[in-house]
């Protein structure tokens, strides 16, 4: 990540930040999943492409789920929920109708 211009955050081992010319891109990496986040979609896609040149991976498009969080977009808003995961836990412990 360093050769791509990212710095690792000390607060999270799998969180990297790219800061250049008032542009910010954040990357969260967990095991074999990577999430690229930023306002400038062209820059995000460029950095994602550079990342994919160094590591074997594929682009799954706009994120809908990451680390059991459901991600939904409406206009300029992003909503993150864990409802599906909660339903799974409740069902597992026979508490779905509690």
PDB file of N, CA and C in Angstrom:
ATOM      1  N   UNK A   1       0.832  -1.193   0.000  1.00  0.00           N
ATOM      2  CA  UNK A   1       0.000   0.000   0.000  1.00  0.00           C
ATOM      3  C   UNK A   1       0.876   1.255   0.000  1.00  0.00           C
ATOM      4  N   UNK A   2       2.019   1.139   0.640  1.00  0.00           N
ATOM      5  CA  UNK A   2       2.933   2.286   0.697  1.00  0.00           C
ATOM      6  C   UNK A   2       3.388   2.714  -0.697  1.00  0.00           C
ATOM      7  N   UNK A   3       3.660   1.741  -1.576  1.00  0.00           N
ATOM      8  CA  UNK A   3       4.123   2.102  -2.925  1.00  0.00           C
ATOM      9  C   UNK A   3       3.011   2.745  -3.756  1.00  0.00           C
ATOM     10  N   UNK A   4       1.752   2.581  -3.323  1.00  0.00           N
ATOM     11  CA  UNK A   4       0.628   3.211  -4.008  1.00  0.00           C
ATOM     12  C   UNK A   4       0.318   4.596  -3.431  1.00  0.00           C
ATOM     13  N   UNK A   5       1.058   4.996  -2.379  1.00  0.00           N
ATOM     14  CA  UNK A   5       0.867   6.322  -1.798  1.00  0.00           C
ATOM     15  C   UNK A   5      -0.014   6.353  -0.568  1.00  0.00           C
ATOM     16  N   UNK A   6      -0.345   5.188  -0.016  1.00  0.00           N
ATOM     17  CA  UNK A   6      -1.182   5.112   1.176  1.00  0.00           C
ATOM     18  C   UNK A   6      -0.339   5.067   2.437  1.00  0.00           C
ATOM     19  N   UNK A   7      -0.914   5.563   3.519  1.00  0.00           N
ATOM     20  CA  UNK A   7      -0.313   5.431   4.845  1.00  0.00           C
ATOM     21  C   UNK A   7      -1.258   4.594   5.692  1.00  0.00           C
ATOM     22  N   UNK A   8      -0.686   3.704   6.492  1.00  0.00           N
ATOM     23  CA  UNK A   8      -1.498   2.880   7.389  1.00  0.00           C
ATOM     24  C   UNK A   8      -1.823   3.671   8.644  1.00  0.00           C
ATOM     25  N   UNK A   9      -3.076   3.621   9.050  1.00  0.00           N
ATOM     26  CA  UNK A   9      -3.474   4.286  10.284  1.00  0.00           C
ATOM     27  C   UNK A   9      -3.003   3.467  11.473  1.00  0.00           C
ATOM     28  N   UNK A  10      -2.507   4.123  12.488  1.00  0.00           N
ATOM     29  CA  UNK A  10      -2.054   3.399  13.670  1.00  0.00           C
ATOM     30  C   UNK A  10      -3.237   2.880  14.486  1.00  0.00           C
ATOM     31  N   UNK A  11      -4.397   3.492  14.330  1.00  0.00           N
ATOM     32  CA  UNK A  11      -5.586   3.078  15.087  1.00  0.00           C
ATOM     33  C   UNK A  11      -6.201   1.790  14.542  1.00  0.00           C
ATOM     34  N   UNK A  12      -5.904   1.426  13.313  1.00  0.00           N
ATOM     35  CA  UNK A  12      -6.467   0.217  12.714  1.00  0.00           C
ATOM     36  C   UNK A  12      -5.502  -0.384  11.724  1.00  0.00           C
ATOM     37  N   UNK A  13      -5.073  -1.605  11.967  1.00  0.00           N
ATOM     38  CA  UNK A  13      -4.042  -2.225  11.133  1.00  0.00           C
ATOM     39  C   UNK A  13      -4.473  -2.389   9.682  1.00  0.00           C
ATOM     40  N   UNK A  14      -5.759  -2.524   9.429  1.00  0.00           N
ATOM     41  CA  UNK A  14      -6.217  -2.746   8.066  1.00  0.00           C
ATOM     42  C   UNK A  14      -6.812  -1.523   7.402  1.00  0.00           C
ATOM     43  N   UNK A  15      -6.544  -0.341   7.964  1.00  0.00           N
ATOM     44  CA  UNK A  15      -7.102   0.897   7.413  1.00  0.00           C
ATOM     45  C   UNK A  15      -5.958   1.745   6.859  1.00  0.00           C
ATOM     46  N   UNK A  16      -6.100   2.132   5.595  1.00  0.00           N
ATOM     47  CA  UNK A  16      -5.077   2.917   4.916  1.00  0.00           C
ATOM     48  C   UNK A  16      -5.715   4.186   4.366  1.00  0.00           C
ATOM     49  N   UNK A  17      -4.934   5.259   4.331  1.00  0.00           N
ATOM     50  CA  UNK A  17      -5.457   6.535   3.842  1.00  0.00           C
ATOM     51  C   UNK A  17      -4.506   7.116   2.799  1.00  0.00           C
ATOM     52  N   UNK A  18      -5.106   7.685   1.767  1.00  0.00           N
ATOM     53  CA  UNK A  18      -4.378   8.347   0.681  1.00  0.00           C
ATOM     54  C   UNK A  18      -4.790   9.809   0.712  1.00  0.00           C
ATOM     55  N   UNK A  19      -3.835  10.693   0.911  1.00  0.00           N
ATOM     56  CA  UNK A  19      -4.086  12.138   0.941  1.00  0.00           C
ATOM     57  C   UNK A  19      -3.187  12.818  -0.080  1.00  0.00           C
ATOM     58  N   UNK A  20      -3.803  13.504  -1.050  1.00  0.00           N
ATOM     59  CA  UNK A  20      -3.015  14.228  -2.046  1.00  0.00           C
ATOM     60  C   UNK A  20      -3.909  15.262  -2.713  1.00  0.00           C
ATOM     61  N   UNK A  21      -3.421  16.485  -2.807  1.00  0.00           N
ATOM     62  CA  UNK A  21      -4.131  17.570  -3.492  1.00  0.00           C
ATOM     63  C   UNK A  21      -5.583  17.709  -3.019  1.00  0.00           C
ATOM     64  N   UNK A  22      -5.779  17.746  -1.708  1.00  0.00           N
ATOM     65  CA  UNK A  22      -7.119  17.883  -1.107  1.00  0.00           C
ATOM     66  C   UNK A  22      -8.059  16.731  -1.461  1.00  0.00           C
ATOM     67  N   UNK A  23      -7.527  15.611  -1.879  1.00  0.00           N
ATOM     68  CA  UNK A  23      -8.324  14.416  -2.174  1.00  0.00           C
ATOM     69  C   UNK A  23      -7.992  13.358  -1.130  1.00  0.00           C
ATOM     70  N   UNK A  24      -9.006  12.628  -0.700  1.00  0.00           N
ATOM     71  CA  UNK A  24      -8.819  11.581   0.295  1.00  0.00           C
ATOM     72  C   UNK A  24      -9.470  10.298  -0.197  1.00  0.00           C
ATOM     73  N   UNK A  25      -8.728   9.213  -0.083  1.00  0.00           N
ATOM     74  CA  UNK A  25      -9.278   7.886  -0.347  1.00  0.00           C
ATOM     75  C   UNK A  25      -8.899   7.013   0.844  1.00  0.00           C
ATOM     76  N   UNK A  26      -9.884   6.293   1.352  1.00  0.00           N
ATOM     77  CA  UNK A  26      -9.677   5.390   2.477  1.00  0.00           C
ATOM     78  C   UNK A  26      -9.872   3.972   1.975  1.00  0.00           C
ATOM     79  N   UNK A  27      -8.988   3.072   2.403  1.00  0.00           N
ATOM     80  CA  UNK A  27      -9.108   1.666   2.055  1.00  0.00           C
ATOM     81  C   UNK A  27      -9.142   0.861   3.346  1.00  0.00           C
ATOM     82  N   UNK A  28     -10.131  -0.013   3.433  1.00  0.00           N
ATOM     83  CA  UNK A  28     -10.243  -0.935   4.562  1.00  0.00           C
ATOM     84  C   UNK A  28      -9.987  -2.327   4.008  1.00  0.00           C
ATOM     85  N   UNK A  29      -9.003  -3.006   4.593  1.00  0.00           N
ATOM     86  CA  UNK A  29      -8.661  -4.356   4.157  1.00  0.00           C
ATOM     87  C   UNK A  29      -8.843  -5.295   5.344  1.00  0.00           C
ATOM     88  N   UNK A  30      -9.610  -6.359   5.091  1.00  0.00           N
ATOM     89  CA  UNK A  30      -9.817  -7.376   6.114  1.00  0.00           C
ATOM     90  C   UNK A  30      -9.686  -8.735   5.445  1.00  0.00           C
ATOM     91  N   UNK A  31      -8.673  -9.477   5.802  1.00  0.00           N
ATOM     92  CA  UNK A  31      -8.332 -10.783   5.260  1.00  0.00           C
ATOM     93  C   UNK A  31      -8.214 -10.681   3.737  1.00  0.00           C
ATOM     94  N   UNK A  32      -9.246 -11.080   2.981  1.00  0.00           N
ATOM     95  CA  UNK A  32      -9.159 -11.026   1.516  1.00  0.00           C
ATOM     96  C   UNK A  32     -10.198 -10.094   0.911  1.00  0.00           C
ATOM     97  N   UNK A  33     -10.719  -9.181   1.709  1.00  0.00           N
ATOM     98  CA  UNK A  33     -11.681  -8.190   1.223  1.00  0.00           C
ATOM     99  C   UNK A  33     -11.075  -6.799   1.333  1.00  0.00           C
ATOM    100  N   UNK A  34     -11.316  -5.967   0.337  1.00  0.00           N
ATOM    101  CA  UNK A  34     -10.833  -4.587   0.359  1.00  0.00           C
ATOM    102  C   UNK A  34     -11.975  -3.666  -0.047  1.00  0.00           C
ATOM    103  N   UNK A  35     -12.119  -2.572   0.674  1.00  0.00           N
ATOM    104  CA  UNK A  35     -13.158  -1.580   0.405  1.00  0.00           C
ATOM    105  C   UNK A  35     -12.487  -0.238   0.178  1.00  0.00           C
ATOM    106  N   UNK A  36     -12.692   0.344  -1.006  1.00  0.00           N
ATOM    107  CA  UNK A  36     -12.129   1.649  -1.366  1.00  0.00           C
ATOM    108  C   UNK A  36     -13.234   2.691  -1.230  1.00  0.00           C
ATOM    109  N   UNK A  37     -12.953   3.775  -0.506  1.00  0.00           N
ATOM    110  CA  UNK A  37     -13.953   4.800  -0.225  1.00  0.00           C
ATOM    111  C   UNK A  37     -13.375   6.175  -0.545  1.00  0.00           C
ATOM    112  N   UNK A  38     -14.144   7.009  -1.254  1.00  0.00           N
ATOM    113  CA  UNK A  38     -13.709   8.374  -1.520  1.00  0.00           C
ATOM    114  C   UNK A  38     -14.753   9.123  -2.330  1.00  0.00           C
ATOM    115  N   UNK A  39     -14.692  10.444  -2.271  1.00  0.00           N
ATOM    116  CA  UNK A  39     -15.640  11.283  -3.010  1.00  0.00           C
ATOM    117  C   UNK A  39     -15.351  11.296  -4.508  1.00  0.00           C
ATOM    118  N   UNK A  40     -14.058  11.292  -4.855  1.00  0.00           N
ATOM    119  CA  UNK A  40     -13.642  11.379  -6.256  1.00  0.00           C
ATOM    120  C   UNK A  40     -13.603   9.973  -6.853  1.00  0.00           C
ATOM    121  N   UNK A  41     -14.678   9.598  -7.555  1.00  0.00           N
ATOM    122  CA  UNK A  41     -14.804   8.243  -8.089  1.00  0.00           C
ATOM    123  C   UNK A  41     -13.690   7.907  -9.082  1.00  0.00           C
ATOM    124  N   UNK A  42     -13.258   8.884  -9.872  1.00  0.00           N
ATOM    125  CA  UNK A  42     -12.167   8.629 -10.822  1.00  0.00           C
ATOM    126  C   UNK A  42     -10.881   8.257 -10.092  1.00  0.00           C
ATOM    127  N   UNK A  43     -10.570   8.990  -9.023  1.00  0.00           N
ATOM    128  CA  UNK A  43      -9.369   8.700  -8.239  1.00  0.00           C
ATOM    129  C   UNK A  43      -9.501   7.353  -7.538  1.00  0.00           C
ATOM    130  N   UNK A  44     -10.664   7.086  -6.970  1.00  0.00           N
ATOM    131  CA  UNK A  44     -10.893   5.795  -6.312  1.00  0.00           C
ATOM    132  C   UNK A  44     -10.673   4.658  -7.302  1.00  0.00           C
ATOM    133  N   UNK A  45     -11.240   4.774  -8.493  1.00  0.00           N
ATOM    134  CA  UNK A  45     -11.082   3.729  -9.504  1.00  0.00           C
ATOM    135  C   UNK A  45      -9.642   3.582  -9.973  1.00  0.00           C
ATOM    136  N   UNK A  46      -8.923   4.699 -10.073  1.00  0.00           N
ATOM    137  CA  UNK A  46      -7.510   4.635 -10.466  1.00  0.00           C
ATOM    138  C   UNK A  46      -6.697   3.891  -9.416  1.00  0.00           C
ATOM    139  N   UNK A  47      -6.898   4.266  -8.143  1.00  0.00           N
ATOM    140  CA  UNK A  47      -6.146   3.627  -7.063  1.00  0.00           C
ATOM    141  C   UNK A  47      -6.531   2.152  -6.927  1.00  0.00           C
ATOM    142  N   UNK A  48      -7.793   1.860  -7.133  1.00  0.00           N
ATOM    143  CA  UNK A  48      -8.246   0.467  -7.091  1.00  0.00           C
ATOM    144  C   UNK A  48      -7.583  -0.320  -8.222  1.00  0.00           C
ATOM    145  N   UNK A  49      -7.500   0.279  -9.413  1.00  0.00           N
ATOM    146  CA  UNK A  49      -6.831  -0.363 -10.542  1.00  0.00           C
ATOM    147  C   UNK A  49      -5.357  -0.610 -10.267  1.00  0.00           C
ATOM    148  N   UNK A  50      -4.691   0.389  -9.667  1.00  0.00           N
ATOM    149  CA  UNK A  50      -3.277   0.225  -9.293  1.00  0.00           C
ATOM    150  C   UNK A  50      -3.106  -0.917  -8.283  1.00  0.00           C
ATOM    151  N   UNK A  51      -4.023  -0.982  -7.326  1.00  0.00           N
ATOM    152  CA  UNK A  51      -4.018  -2.039  -6.315  1.00  0.00           C
ATOM    153  C   UNK A  51      -4.150  -3.406  -6.994  1.00  0.00           C
ATOM    154  N   UNK A  52      -5.056  -3.494  -7.966  1.00  0.00           N
ATOM    155  CA  UNK A  52      -5.321  -4.761  -8.639  1.00  0.00           C
ATOM    156  C   UNK A  52      -4.160  -5.209  -9.528  1.00  0.00           C
ATOM    157  N   UNK A  53      -3.289  -4.282  -9.911  1.00  0.00           N
ATOM    158  CA  UNK A  53      -2.107  -4.650 -10.690  1.00  0.00           C
ATOM    159  C   UNK A  53      -1.076  -5.361  -9.815  1.00  0.00           C
ATOM    160  N   UNK A  54      -1.091  -5.068  -8.505  1.00  0.00           N
ATOM    161  CA  UNK A  54      -0.107  -5.640  -7.584  1.00  0.00           C
ATOM    162  C   UNK A  54      -0.596  -6.922  -6.908  1.00  0.00           C
ATOM    163  N   UNK A  55      -1.891  -7.051  -6.718  1.00  0.00           N
ATOM    164  CA  UNK A  55      -2.446  -8.216  -6.035  1.00  0.00           C
ATOM    165  C   UNK A  55      -3.556  -8.816  -6.876  1.00  0.00           C
ATOM    166  N   UNK A  56      -3.578 -10.140  -6.929  1.00  0.00           N
ATOM    167  CA  UNK A  56      -4.606 -10.832  -7.698  1.00  0.00           C
ATOM    168  C   UNK A  56      -5.954 -10.650  -7.005  1.00  0.00           C
ATOM    169  N   UNK A  57      -6.861 -10.011  -7.691  1.00  0.00           N
ATOM    170  CA  UNK A  57      -8.194  -9.782  -7.142  1.00  0.00           C
ATOM    171  C   UNK A  57      -9.128  -9.371  -8.270  1.00  0.00           C
ATOM    172  N   UNK A  58     -10.397  -9.231  -7.929  1.00  0.00           N
ATOM    173  CA  UNK A  58     -11.369  -8.785  -8.924  1.00  0.00           C
ATOM    174  C   UNK A  58     -12.271  -7.733  -8.304  1.00  0.00           C
ATOM    175  N   UNK A  59     -12.752  -6.848  -9.143  1.00  0.00           N
ATOM    176  CA  UNK A  59     -13.633  -5.766  -8.718  1.00  0.00           C
ATOM    177  C   UNK A  59     -15.068  -6.261  -8.773  1.00  0.00           C
ATOM    178  N   UNK A  60     -15.750  -6.237  -7.646  1.00  0.00           N
ATOM    179  CA  UNK A  60     -17.130  -6.707  -7.581  1.00  0.00           C
ATOM    180  C   UNK A  60     -18.137  -5.574  -7.740  1.00  0.00           C
ATOM    181  N   UNK A  61     -17.658  -4.381  -8.115  1.00  0.00           N
ATOM    182  CA  UNK A  61     -18.555  -3.244  -8.334  1.00  0.00           C
ATOM    183  C   UNK A  61     -18.895  -2.526  -7.045  1.00  0.00           C
ATOM    184  N   UNK A  62     -19.977  -1.758  -7.091  1.00  0.00           N
ATOM    185  CA  UNK A  62     -20.393  -1.005  -5.906  1.00  0.00           C
ATOM    186  C   UNK A  62     -20.707  -1.968  -4.770  1.00  0.00           C
ATOM    187  N   UNK A  63     -20.216  -1.630  -3.600  1.00  0.00           N
ATOM    188  CA  UNK A  63     -20.373  -2.496  -2.433  1.00  0.00           C
ATOM    189  C   UNK A  63     -21.831  -2.500  -1.957  1.00  0.00           C
ATOM    190  N   UNK A  64     -22.298  -3.699  -1.656  1.00  0.00           N
ATOM    191  CA  UNK A  64     -23.637  -3.856  -1.083  1.00  0.00           C
ATOM    192  C   UNK A  64     -23.549  -4.477   0.296  1.00  0.00           C
ATOM    193  N   UNK A  65     -22.447  -5.198   0.552  1.00  0.00           N
ATOM    194  CA  UNK A  65     -22.216  -5.812   1.852  1.00  0.00           C
ATOM    195  C   UNK A  65     -20.720  -5.862   2.107  1.00  0.00           C
ATOM    196  N   UNK A  66     -20.319  -5.567   3.344  1.00  0.00           N
ATOM    197  CA  UNK A  66     -18.919  -5.630   3.733  1.00  0.00           C
ATOM    198  C   UNK A  66     -18.862  -5.969   5.208  1.00  0.00           C
ATOM    199  N   UNK A  67     -18.171  -7.043   5.538  1.00  0.00           N
ATOM    200  CA  UNK A  67     -18.038  -7.495   6.926  1.00  0.00           C
ATOM    201  C   UNK A  67     -19.391  -7.584   7.638  1.00  0.00           C
ATOM    202  N   UNK A  68     -20.343  -8.208   6.967  1.00  0.00           N
ATOM    203  CA  UNK A  68     -21.705  -8.429   7.472  1.00  0.00           C
ATOM    204  C   UNK A  68     -22.514  -7.156   7.678  1.00  0.00           C
ATOM    205  N   UNK A  69     -22.045  -6.069   7.092  1.00  0.00           N
ATOM    206  CA  UNK A  69     -22.816  -4.823   7.117  1.00  0.00           C
ATOM    207  C   UNK A  69     -23.458  -4.655   5.752  1.00  0.00           C
ATOM    208  N   UNK A  70     -24.750  -4.386   5.720  1.00  0.00           N
ATOM    209  CA  UNK A  70     -25.449  -4.093   4.471  1.00  0.00           C
ATOM    210  C   UNK A  70     -25.306  -2.606   4.186  1.00  0.00           C
ATOM    211  N   UNK A  71     -24.956  -2.279   2.948  1.00  0.00           N
ATOM    212  CA  UNK A  71     -24.724  -0.896   2.557  1.00  0.00           C
ATOM    213  C   UNK A  71     -25.692  -0.544   1.444  1.00  0.00           C
ATOM    214  N   UNK A  72     -26.460   0.512   1.675  1.00  0.00           N
ATOM    215  CA  UNK A  72     -27.506   0.931   0.739  1.00  0.00           C
ATOM    216  C   UNK A  72     -27.343   2.418   0.450  1.00  0.00           C
ATOM    217  N   UNK A  73     -27.456   2.791  -0.826  1.00  0.00           N
ATOM    218  CA  UNK A  73     -27.327   4.197  -1.223  1.00  0.00           C
ATOM    219  C   UNK A  73     -28.665   4.744  -1.688  1.00  0.00           C
ATOM    220  N   UNK A  74     -28.937   5.979  -1.288  1.00  0.00           N
ATOM    221  CA  UNK A  74     -30.087   6.730  -1.790  1.00  0.00           C
ATOM    222  C   UNK A  74     -29.612   8.156  -2.035  1.00  0.00           C
ATOM    223  N   UNK A  75     -29.625   8.554  -3.295  1.00  0.00           N
ATOM    224  CA  UNK A  75     -29.139   9.860  -3.717  1.00  0.00           C
ATOM    225  C   UNK A  75     -27.730  10.076  -3.180  1.00  0.00           C
ATOM    226  N   UNK A  76     -27.511  11.054  -2.323  1.00  0.00           N
ATOM    227  CA  UNK A  76     -26.173  11.333  -1.790  1.00  0.00           C
ATOM    228  C   UNK A  76     -25.999  10.833  -0.368  1.00  0.00           C
ATOM    229  N   UNK A  77     -26.801   9.858   0.023  1.00  0.00           N
ATOM    230  CA  UNK A  77     -26.730   9.309   1.374  1.00  0.00           C
ATOM    231  C   UNK A  77     -26.356   7.838   1.316  1.00  0.00           C
ATOM    232  N   UNK A  78     -25.647   7.395   2.342  1.00  0.00           N
ATOM    233  CA  UNK A  78     -25.269   5.993   2.478  1.00  0.00           C
ATOM    234  C   UNK A  78     -25.820   5.493   3.805  1.00  0.00           C
ATOM    235  N   UNK A  79     -26.500   4.351   3.768  1.00  0.00           N
ATOM    236  CA  UNK A  79     -27.065   3.750   4.963  1.00  0.00           C
ATOM    237  C   UNK A  79     -26.362   2.422   5.223  1.00  0.00           C
ATOM    238  N   UNK A  80     -25.936   2.193   6.455  1.00  0.00           N
ATOM    239  CA  UNK A  80     -25.255   0.965   6.836  1.00  0.00           C
ATOM    240  C   UNK A  80     -26.064   0.308   7.951  1.00  0.00           C
ATOM    241  N   UNK A  81     -26.427  -0.972   7.745  1.00  0.00           N
ATOM    242  CA  UNK A  81     -27.184  -1.711   8.758  1.00  0.00           C
ATOM    243  C   UNK A  81     -26.593  -3.102   8.931  1.00  0.00           C
ATOM    244  N   UNK A  82     -26.949  -3.728  10.035  1.00  0.00           N
ATOM    245  CA  UNK A  82     -26.574  -5.114  10.277  1.00  0.00           C
ATOM    246  C   UNK A  82     -27.820  -5.953  10.551  1.00  0.00           C
ATOM    247  N   UNK A  83     -28.940  -5.563   9.977  1.00  0.00           N
ATOM    248  CA  UNK A  83     -30.212  -6.232  10.209  1.00  0.00           C
ATOM    249  C   UNK A  83     -30.166  -7.705   9.817  1.00  0.00           C
ATOM    250  N   UNK A  84     -29.607  -8.029   8.663  1.00  0.00           N
ATOM    251  CA  UNK A  84     -29.549  -9.426   8.203  1.00  0.00           C
ATOM    252  C   UNK A  84     -28.727 -10.274   9.171  1.00  0.00           C
ATOM    253  N   UNK A  85     -27.623  -9.726   9.667  1.00  0.00           N
ATOM    254  CA  UNK A  85     -26.789 -10.457  10.625  1.00  0.00           C
ATOM    255  C   UNK A  85     -27.546 -10.646  11.941  1.00  0.00           C
ATOM    256  N   UNK A  86     -28.244  -9.616  12.392  1.00  0.00           N
ATOM    257  CA  UNK A  86     -29.031  -9.719  13.615  1.00  0.00           C
ATOM    258  C   UNK A  86     -30.113 -10.794  13.469  1.00  0.00           C
ATOM    259  N   UNK A  87     -30.791 -10.822  12.326  1.00  0.00           N
ATOM    260  CA  UNK A  87     -31.801 -11.855  12.073  1.00  0.00           C
ATOM    261  C   UNK A  87     -31.185 -13.255  12.164  1.00  0.00           C
ATOM    262  N   UNK A  88     -29.989 -13.423  11.618  1.00  0.00           N
ATOM    263  CA  UNK A  88     -29.305 -14.714  11.644  1.00  0.00           C
ATOM    264  C   UNK A  88     -28.980 -15.134  13.081  1.00  0.00           C
ATOM    265  N   UNK A  89     -28.495 -14.203  13.880  1.00  0.00           N
ATOM    266  CA  UNK A  89     -28.158 -14.502  15.281  1.00  0.00           C
ATOM    267  C   UNK A  89     -29.420 -14.852  16.065  1.00  0.00           C
ATOM    268  N   UNK A  90     -30.485 -14.072  15.886  1.00  0.00           N
ATOM    269  CA  UNK A  90     -31.738 -14.350  16.589  1.00  0.00           C
ATOM    270  C   UNK A  90     -32.295 -15.722  16.213  1.00  0.00           C
ATOM    271  N   UNK A  91     -32.219 -16.065  14.951  1.00  0.00           N
ATOM    272  CA  UNK A  91     -32.711 -17.367  14.489  1.00  0.00           C
ATOM    273  C   UNK A  91     -31.864 -18.499  15.075  1.00  0.00           C
ATOM    274  N   UNK A  92     -30.547 -18.309  15.112  1.00  0.00           N
ATOM    275  CA  UNK A  92     -29.634 -19.314  15.634  1.00  0.00           C
ATOM    276  C   UNK A  92     -29.946 -19.666  17.091  1.00  0.00           C
ATOM    277  N   UNK A  93     -30.290 -18.646  17.880  1.00  0.00           N
ATOM    278  CA  UNK A  93     -30.564 -18.859  19.301  1.00  0.00           C
ATOM    279  C   UNK A  93     -32.069 -18.972  19.597  1.00  0.00           C
ATOM    280  N   UNK A  94     -32.833 -19.249  18.546  1.00  0.00           N
ATOM    281  CA  UNK A  94     -34.270 -19.467  18.688  1.00  0.00           C
ATOM    282  C   UNK A  94     -34.975 -18.288  19.359  1.00  0.00           C
ATOM    283  N   UNK A  95     -34.579 -17.084  19.017  1.00  0.00           N
ATOM    284  CA  UNK A  95     -35.136 -15.864  19.607  1.00  0.00           C
ATOM    285  C   UNK A  95     -35.772 -14.975  18.549  1.00  0.00           C
ATOM    286  N   UNK A  96     -36.027 -15.543  17.357  1.00  0.00           N
ATOM    287  CA  UNK A  96     -36.500 -14.733  16.239  1.00  0.00           C
ATOM    288  C   UNK A  96     -37.821 -14.029  16.523  1.00  0.00           C
ATOM    289  N   UNK A  97     -38.693 -14.637  17.259  1.00  0.00           N
ATOM    290  CA  UNK A  97     -39.994 -14.026  17.564  1.00  0.00           C
ATOM    291  C   UNK A  97     -40.033 -13.401  18.954  1.00  0.00           C
ATOM    292  N   UNK A  98     -38.889 -13.197  19.559  1.00  0.00           N
ATOM    293  CA  UNK A  98     -38.859 -12.630  20.920  1.00  0.00           C
ATOM    294  C   UNK A  98     -39.243 -11.158  20.912  1.00  0.00           C
TER     295      UNK A  98
END
